[in-house]
């Protein structure tokens, strides 16, 4: 009939969608060291991780495994609203390897040598009397074992044990007694003194 009621107020505020998190990837680390990833963003947000890490938190840490890649996504949630996801990814450094092959005694039988084979990096001697490495050649004193390692990109290998070969002379027969007479067939060699 053209009659109007009194007015009623209405008001509502849309929730704020949080921004996608800012991710700080872990620095590459050697095996056994800790790698830490962190997320930050809109104040009050909860960060949820998927992929290599799961669950909530501002950061995630892992003990590095040689050559392992850690990756996935993280999102922020604020007052029930979710952000777009952000990616995280970092790879642990690879642990180098070392081996000493083909051990051989020197001609004078006082030392021995071997071929140093590494996956990467610079080899060095950890211990061993007279032991040294020049280029790809290992050298050690007779009967002296040694320990070597290699370091690449700041990461050390496991110690490698070098076991000295037997460089002793084979036994030889005693010389012929020169004070006695000896007979030899014409087709045999007469021993020299």
C-alpha atoms as a PDB file:
ATOM      1  CA  UNK A   1       0.000   0.000   0.000  1.00  0.00           C
ATOM      2  CA  UNK A   2       2.990   2.327  -0.402  1.00  0.00           C
ATOM      3  CA  UNK A   3       3.991   2.199   3.251  1.00  0.00           C
ATOM      4  CA  UNK A   4       7.683   1.777   4.120  1.00  0.00           C
ATOM      5  CA  UNK A   5       9.242   0.223   7.164  1.00  0.00           C
ATOM      6  CA  UNK A   6      12.033   1.658   9.190  1.00  0.00           C
ATOM      7  CA  UNK A   7      15.484   0.888   7.756  1.00  0.00           C
ATOM      8  CA  UNK A   8      17.848  -1.828   9.013  1.00  0.00           C
ATOM      9  CA  UNK A   9      21.597  -1.600   8.618  1.00  0.00           C
ATOM     10  CA  UNK A  10      23.638  -4.321   6.927  1.00  0.00           C
ATOM     11  CA  UNK A  11      27.378  -4.719   6.842  1.00  0.00           C
ATOM     12  CA  UNK A  12      29.846  -7.487   6.042  1.00  0.00           C
ATOM     13  CA  UNK A  13      33.564  -7.525   5.485  1.00  0.00           C
ATOM     14  CA  UNK A  14      35.245  -9.979   3.143  1.00  0.00           C
ATOM     15  CA  UNK A  15      38.076 -11.959   4.660  1.00  0.00           C
ATOM     16  CA  UNK A  16      41.567 -11.173   3.481  1.00  0.00           C
ATOM     17  CA  UNK A  17      43.172 -13.833   1.337  1.00  0.00           C
ATOM     18  CA  UNK A  18      46.781 -14.134   2.459  1.00  0.00           C
ATOM     19  CA  UNK A  19      49.563 -13.595  -0.030  1.00  0.00           C
ATOM     20  CA  UNK A  20      51.534 -16.595  -1.253  1.00  0.00           C
ATOM     21  CA  UNK A  21      54.380 -17.266   1.161  1.00  0.00           C
ATOM     22  CA  UNK A  22      57.903 -16.076   0.587  1.00  0.00           C
ATOM     23  CA  UNK A  23      60.131 -19.131   0.747  1.00  0.00           C
ATOM     24  CA  UNK A  24      63.772 -19.130   1.726  1.00  0.00           C
ATOM     25  CA  UNK A  25      65.340 -22.293   0.344  1.00  0.00           C
ATOM     26  CA  UNK A  26      68.002 -24.082   2.310  1.00  0.00           C
ATOM     27  CA  UNK A  27      71.625 -23.634   1.347  1.00  0.00           C
ATOM     28  CA  UNK A  28      73.081 -26.841  -0.122  1.00  0.00           C
ATOM     29  CA  UNK A  29      74.821 -28.798   2.618  1.00  0.00           C
ATOM     30  CA  UNK A  30      77.105 -31.802   2.927  1.00  0.00           C
ATOM     31  CA  UNK A  31      75.699 -35.180   3.952  1.00  0.00           C
ATOM     32  CA  UNK A  32      74.935 -35.264   7.654  1.00  0.00           C
ATOM     33  CA  UNK A  33      74.538 -31.498   7.965  1.00  0.00           C
ATOM     34  CA  UNK A  34      71.196 -29.733   8.517  1.00  0.00           C
ATOM     35  CA  UNK A  35      69.270 -28.043   5.703  1.00  0.00           C
ATOM     36  CA  UNK A  36      66.520 -25.623   6.811  1.00  0.00           C
ATOM     37  CA  UNK A  37      63.717 -24.173   4.650  1.00  0.00           C
ATOM     38  CA  UNK A  38      61.567 -21.289   5.934  1.00  0.00           C
ATOM     39  CA  UNK A  39      58.338 -19.548   4.903  1.00  0.00           C
ATOM     40  CA  UNK A  40      57.046 -16.085   5.755  1.00  0.00           C
ATOM     41  CA  UNK A  41      54.066 -13.982   4.703  1.00  0.00           C
ATOM     42  CA  UNK A  42      50.914 -12.314   5.931  1.00  0.00           C
ATOM     43  CA  UNK A  43      51.016 -11.824   9.699  1.00  0.00           C
ATOM     44  CA  UNK A  44      49.033 -14.472  11.536  1.00  0.00           C
ATOM     45  CA  UNK A  45      49.165 -17.003   8.715  1.00  0.00           C
ATOM     46  CA  UNK A  46      49.728 -20.713   9.225  1.00  0.00           C
ATOM     47  CA  UNK A  47      52.052 -22.316   6.678  1.00  0.00           C
ATOM     48  CA  UNK A  48      51.319 -25.811   5.383  1.00  0.00           C
ATOM     49  CA  UNK A  49      53.985 -27.862   3.587  1.00  0.00           C
ATOM     50  CA  UNK A  50      53.628 -30.676   1.057  1.00  0.00           C
ATOM     51  CA  UNK A  51      56.187 -32.750  -0.876  1.00  0.00           C
ATOM     52  CA  UNK A  52      59.415 -33.632   0.883  1.00  0.00           C
ATOM     53  CA  UNK A  53      57.985 -32.075   4.063  1.00  0.00           C
ATOM     54  CA  UNK A  54      54.475 -32.281   5.484  1.00  0.00           C
ATOM     55  CA  UNK A  55      52.563 -30.510   8.212  1.00  0.00           C
ATOM     56  CA  UNK A  56      52.455 -26.937   9.439  1.00  0.00           C
ATOM     57  CA  UNK A  57      55.211 -24.606  10.568  1.00  0.00           C
ATOM     58  CA  UNK A  58      57.270 -21.571   9.705  1.00  0.00           C
ATOM     59  CA  UNK A  59      60.268 -23.772   8.857  1.00  0.00           C
ATOM     60  CA  UNK A  60      61.265 -27.352   8.079  1.00  0.00           C
ATOM     61  CA  UNK A  61      64.662 -28.961   8.616  1.00  0.00           C
ATOM     62  CA  UNK A  62      66.242 -32.179   7.411  1.00  0.00           C
ATOM     63  CA  UNK A  63      69.568 -33.970   7.822  1.00  0.00           C
ATOM     64  CA  UNK A  64      71.060 -33.879   4.337  1.00  0.00           C
ATOM     65  CA  UNK A  65      71.564 -37.068   2.351  1.00  0.00           C
ATOM     66  CA  UNK A  66      74.231 -36.956  -0.381  1.00  0.00           C
ATOM     67  CA  UNK A  67      72.767 -35.678  -3.662  1.00  0.00           C
ATOM     68  CA  UNK A  68      69.167 -35.725  -2.374  1.00  0.00           C
ATOM     69  CA  UNK A  69      66.732 -33.082  -3.698  1.00  0.00           C
ATOM     70  CA  UNK A  70      64.091 -31.718  -1.333  1.00  0.00           C
ATOM     71  CA  UNK A  71      61.137 -30.027  -3.038  1.00  0.00           C
ATOM     72  CA  UNK A  72      57.421 -29.297  -2.842  1.00  0.00           C
ATOM     73  CA  UNK A  73      55.004 -26.468  -2.123  1.00  0.00           C
ATOM     74  CA  UNK A  74      53.944 -24.377   0.842  1.00  0.00           C
ATOM     75  CA  UNK A  75      50.783 -22.292   1.276  1.00  0.00           C
ATOM     76  CA  UNK A  76      49.520 -19.820   3.842  1.00  0.00           C
ATOM     77  CA  UNK A  77      46.149 -20.046   5.596  1.00  0.00           C
ATOM     78  CA  UNK A  78      44.615 -17.070   7.419  1.00  0.00           C
ATOM     79  CA  UNK A  79      41.158 -17.106   8.996  1.00  0.00           C
ATOM     80  CA  UNK A  80      40.164 -20.062   6.824  1.00  0.00           C
ATOM     81  CA  UNK A  81      41.370 -18.505   3.557  1.00  0.00           C
ATOM     82  CA  UNK A  82      44.215 -20.112   1.633  1.00  0.00           C
ATOM     83  CA  UNK A  83      46.885 -18.412  -0.419  1.00  0.00           C
ATOM     84  CA  UNK A  84      48.344 -19.525  -3.699  1.00  0.00           C
ATOM     85  CA  UNK A  85      51.199 -21.990  -3.252  1.00  0.00           C
ATOM     86  CA  UNK A  86      54.886 -21.223  -3.422  1.00  0.00           C
ATOM     87  CA  UNK A  87      57.554 -23.730  -4.431  1.00  0.00           C
ATOM     88  CA  UNK A  88      60.623 -24.767  -2.467  1.00  0.00           C
ATOM     89  CA  UNK A  89      63.580 -26.803  -3.706  1.00  0.00           C
ATOM     90  CA  UNK A  90      67.207 -27.410  -2.805  1.00  0.00           C
ATOM     91  CA  UNK A  91      69.668 -30.252  -3.372  1.00  0.00           C
ATOM     92  CA  UNK A  92      72.224 -31.540  -0.901  1.00  0.00           C
ATOM     93  CA  UNK A  93      75.836 -31.632  -2.044  1.00  0.00           C
ATOM     94  CA  UNK A  94      77.186 -34.944  -3.305  1.00  0.00           C
ATOM     95  CA  UNK A  95      79.712 -36.754  -1.112  1.00  0.00           C
ATOM     96  CA  UNK A  96      82.844 -37.522  -3.162  1.00  0.00           C
ATOM     97  CA  UNK A  97      84.496 -40.939  -3.268  1.00  0.00           C
ATOM     98  CA  UNK A  98      88.134 -42.047  -3.390  1.00  0.00           C
ATOM     99  CA  UNK A  99      89.938 -45.300  -4.111  1.00  0.00           C
ATOM    100  CA  UNK A 100      93.581 -46.305  -4.509  1.00  0.00           C
ATOM    101  CA  UNK A 101      94.063 -49.065  -7.105  1.00  0.00           C
ATOM    102  CA  UNK A 102      96.839 -51.146  -8.647  1.00  0.00           C
ATOM    103  CA  UNK A 103      99.319 -51.091  -5.761  1.00  0.00           C
ATOM    104  CA  UNK A 104     102.828 -52.003  -6.934  1.00  0.00           C
ATOM    105  CA  UNK A 105     106.188 -52.239  -5.199  1.00  0.00           C
ATOM    106  CA  UNK A 106     109.043 -50.091  -6.456  1.00  0.00           C
ATOM    107  CA  UNK A 107     112.088 -51.713  -8.079  1.00  0.00           C
ATOM    108  CA  UNK A 108     114.160 -51.244  -4.906  1.00  0.00           C
ATOM    109  CA  UNK A 109     111.256 -52.643  -2.813  1.00  0.00           C
ATOM    110  CA  UNK A 110     111.467 -49.693  -0.395  1.00  0.00           C
ATOM    111  CA  UNK A 111     108.235 -47.974  -1.456  1.00  0.00           C
ATOM    112  CA  UNK A 112     105.002 -48.732  -3.267  1.00  0.00           C
ATOM    113  CA  UNK A 113     102.688 -46.736  -5.515  1.00  0.00           C
ATOM    114  CA  UNK A 114      99.061 -46.828  -6.605  1.00  0.00           C
ATOM    115  CA  UNK A 115      96.558 -45.018  -8.802  1.00  0.00           C
ATOM    116  CA  UNK A 116      94.275 -42.538  -7.005  1.00  0.00           C
ATOM    117  CA  UNK A 117      90.732 -42.492  -8.432  1.00  0.00           C
ATOM    118  CA  UNK A 118      88.275 -39.830  -7.195  1.00  0.00           C
ATOM    119  CA  UNK A 119      84.742 -38.911  -8.236  1.00  0.00           C
ATOM    120  CA  UNK A 120      85.577 -35.210  -7.761  1.00  0.00           C
ATOM    121  CA  UNK A 121      87.743 -32.934  -5.679  1.00  0.00           C
ATOM    122  CA  UNK A 122      91.243 -32.892  -4.270  1.00  0.00           C
ATOM    123  CA  UNK A 123      92.701 -35.983  -2.561  1.00  0.00           C
ATOM    124  CA  UNK A 124      94.869 -35.798   0.553  1.00  0.00           C
ATOM    125  CA  UNK A 125      96.668 -38.070   3.008  1.00  0.00           C
ATOM    126  CA  UNK A 126      95.086 -38.351   6.451  1.00  0.00           C
ATOM    127  CA  UNK A 127      97.822 -40.545   7.944  1.00  0.00           C
ATOM    128  CA  UNK A 128     100.669 -42.844   6.938  1.00  0.00           C
ATOM    129  CA  UNK A 129     104.448 -42.783   7.318  1.00  0.00           C
ATOM    130  CA  UNK A 130     106.021 -41.545   4.090  1.00  0.00           C
ATOM    131  CA  UNK A 131     102.635 -41.385   2.345  1.00  0.00           C
ATOM    132  CA  UNK A 132     102.005 -38.745  -0.318  1.00  0.00           C
ATOM    133  CA  UNK A 133      99.756 -38.022  -3.291  1.00  0.00           C
ATOM    134  CA  UNK A 134     101.032 -36.281  -6.403  1.00  0.00           C
ATOM    135  CA  UNK A 135      98.405 -35.816  -9.067  1.00  0.00           C
ATOM    136  CA  UNK A 136      96.800 -39.232  -9.402  1.00  0.00           C
ATOM    137  CA  UNK A 137      99.721 -41.194  -7.924  1.00  0.00           C
ATOM    138  CA  UNK A 138      99.816 -42.396  -4.319  1.00  0.00           C
ATOM    139  CA  UNK A 139     103.199 -43.292  -2.811  1.00  0.00           C
ATOM    140  CA  UNK A 140     103.862 -45.031   0.496  1.00  0.00           C
ATOM    141  CA  UNK A 141     106.810 -46.474   2.387  1.00  0.00           C
ATOM    142  CA  UNK A 142     107.306 -50.245   2.507  1.00  0.00           C
ATOM    143  CA  UNK A 143     105.091 -52.002   5.091  1.00  0.00           C
ATOM    144  CA  UNK A 144     103.350 -48.700   5.998  1.00  0.00           C
ATOM    145  CA  UNK A 145      99.576 -48.567   5.679  1.00  0.00           C
ATOM    146  CA  UNK A 146      97.912 -45.211   5.046  1.00  0.00           C
ATOM    147  CA  UNK A 147      94.551 -43.437   5.142  1.00  0.00           C
ATOM    148  CA  UNK A 148      93.448 -41.024   2.403  1.00  0.00           C
ATOM    149  CA  UNK A 149      90.365 -38.934   1.651  1.00  0.00           C
ATOM    150  CA  UNK A 150      89.070 -36.442  -0.909  1.00  0.00           C
ATOM    151  CA  UNK A 151      87.234 -33.143  -0.443  1.00  0.00           C
ATOM    152  CA  UNK A 152      84.913 -31.649  -3.071  1.00  0.00           C
ATOM    153  CA  UNK A 153      82.754 -28.525  -2.746  1.00  0.00           C
ATOM    154  CA  UNK A 154      83.590 -28.414   0.951  1.00  0.00           C
ATOM    155  CA  UNK A 155      82.405 -31.980   1.574  1.00  0.00           C
ATOM    156  CA  UNK A 156      84.834 -34.716   2.688  1.00  0.00           C
ATOM    157  CA  UNK A 157      84.652 -38.333   1.617  1.00  0.00           C
ATOM    158  CA  UNK A 158      84.793 -41.228   4.017  1.00  0.00           C
ATOM    159  CA  UNK A 159      88.356 -42.199   4.936  1.00  0.00           C
ATOM    160  CA  UNK A 160      89.854 -44.828   2.613  1.00  0.00           C
ATOM    161  CA  UNK A 161      92.330 -47.349   4.031  1.00  0.00           C
ATOM    162  CA  UNK A 162      95.356 -48.163   1.882  1.00  0.00           C
ATOM    163  CA  UNK A 163      96.922 -51.492   2.889  1.00  0.00           C
ATOM    164  CA  UNK A 164     100.596 -51.766   1.962  1.00  0.00           C
ATOM    165  CA  UNK A 165     101.417 -54.659  -0.360  1.00  0.00           C
ATOM    166  CA  UNK A 166     104.062 -57.224   0.589  1.00  0.00           C
ATOM    167  CA  UNK A 167     107.297 -55.821  -0.853  1.00  0.00           C
ATOM    168  CA  UNK A 168     109.623 -58.400   0.716  1.00  0.00           C
ATOM    169  CA  UNK A 169     112.026 -60.305  -1.550  1.00  0.00           C
ATOM    170  CA  UNK A 170     111.234 -63.910  -2.379  1.00  0.00           C
ATOM    171  CA  UNK A 171     113.645 -66.336  -0.633  1.00  0.00           C
ATOM    172  CA  UNK A 172     116.613 -67.404  -2.762  1.00  0.00           C
ATOM    173  CA  UNK A 173     118.797 -70.455  -2.448  1.00  0.00           C
ATOM    174  CA  UNK A 174     122.072 -70.160  -0.612  1.00  0.00           C
ATOM    175  CA  UNK A 175     125.124 -69.729  -2.890  1.00  0.00           C
ATOM    176  CA  UNK A 176     127.244 -72.745  -3.858  1.00  0.00           C
ATOM    177  CA  UNK A 177     130.127 -73.530  -1.497  1.00  0.00           C
ATOM    178  CA  UNK A 178     133.183 -72.309  -3.434  1.00  0.00           C
ATOM    179  CA  UNK A 179     135.631 -74.233  -1.249  1.00  0.00           C
ATOM    180  CA  UNK A 180     134.491 -77.619  -2.551  1.00  0.00           C
ATOM    181  CA  UNK A 181     134.768 -79.177  -5.987  1.00  0.00           C
ATOM    182  CA  UNK A 182     131.538 -79.350  -7.947  1.00  0.00           C
ATOM    183  CA  UNK A 183     130.716 -81.008 -11.228  1.00  0.00           C
ATOM    184  CA  UNK A 184     128.232 -79.582 -13.757  1.00  0.00           C
ATOM    185  CA  UNK A 185     126.908 -81.054 -16.946  1.00  0.00           C
ATOM    186  CA  UNK A 186     127.888 -79.264 -20.124  1.00  0.00           C
ATOM    187  CA  UNK A 187     124.321 -78.145 -20.763  1.00  0.00           C
ATOM    188  CA  UNK A 188     123.949 -76.481 -17.318  1.00  0.00           C
ATOM    189  CA  UNK A 189     124.928 -73.002 -16.208  1.00  0.00           C
ATOM    190  CA  UNK A 190     127.690 -72.760 -13.638  1.00  0.00           C
ATOM    191  CA  UNK A 191     126.516 -70.517 -10.753  1.00  0.00           C
ATOM    192  CA  UNK A 192     128.512 -67.362 -10.177  1.00  0.00           C
ATOM    193  CA  UNK A 193     129.584 -66.188  -6.761  1.00  0.00           C
END
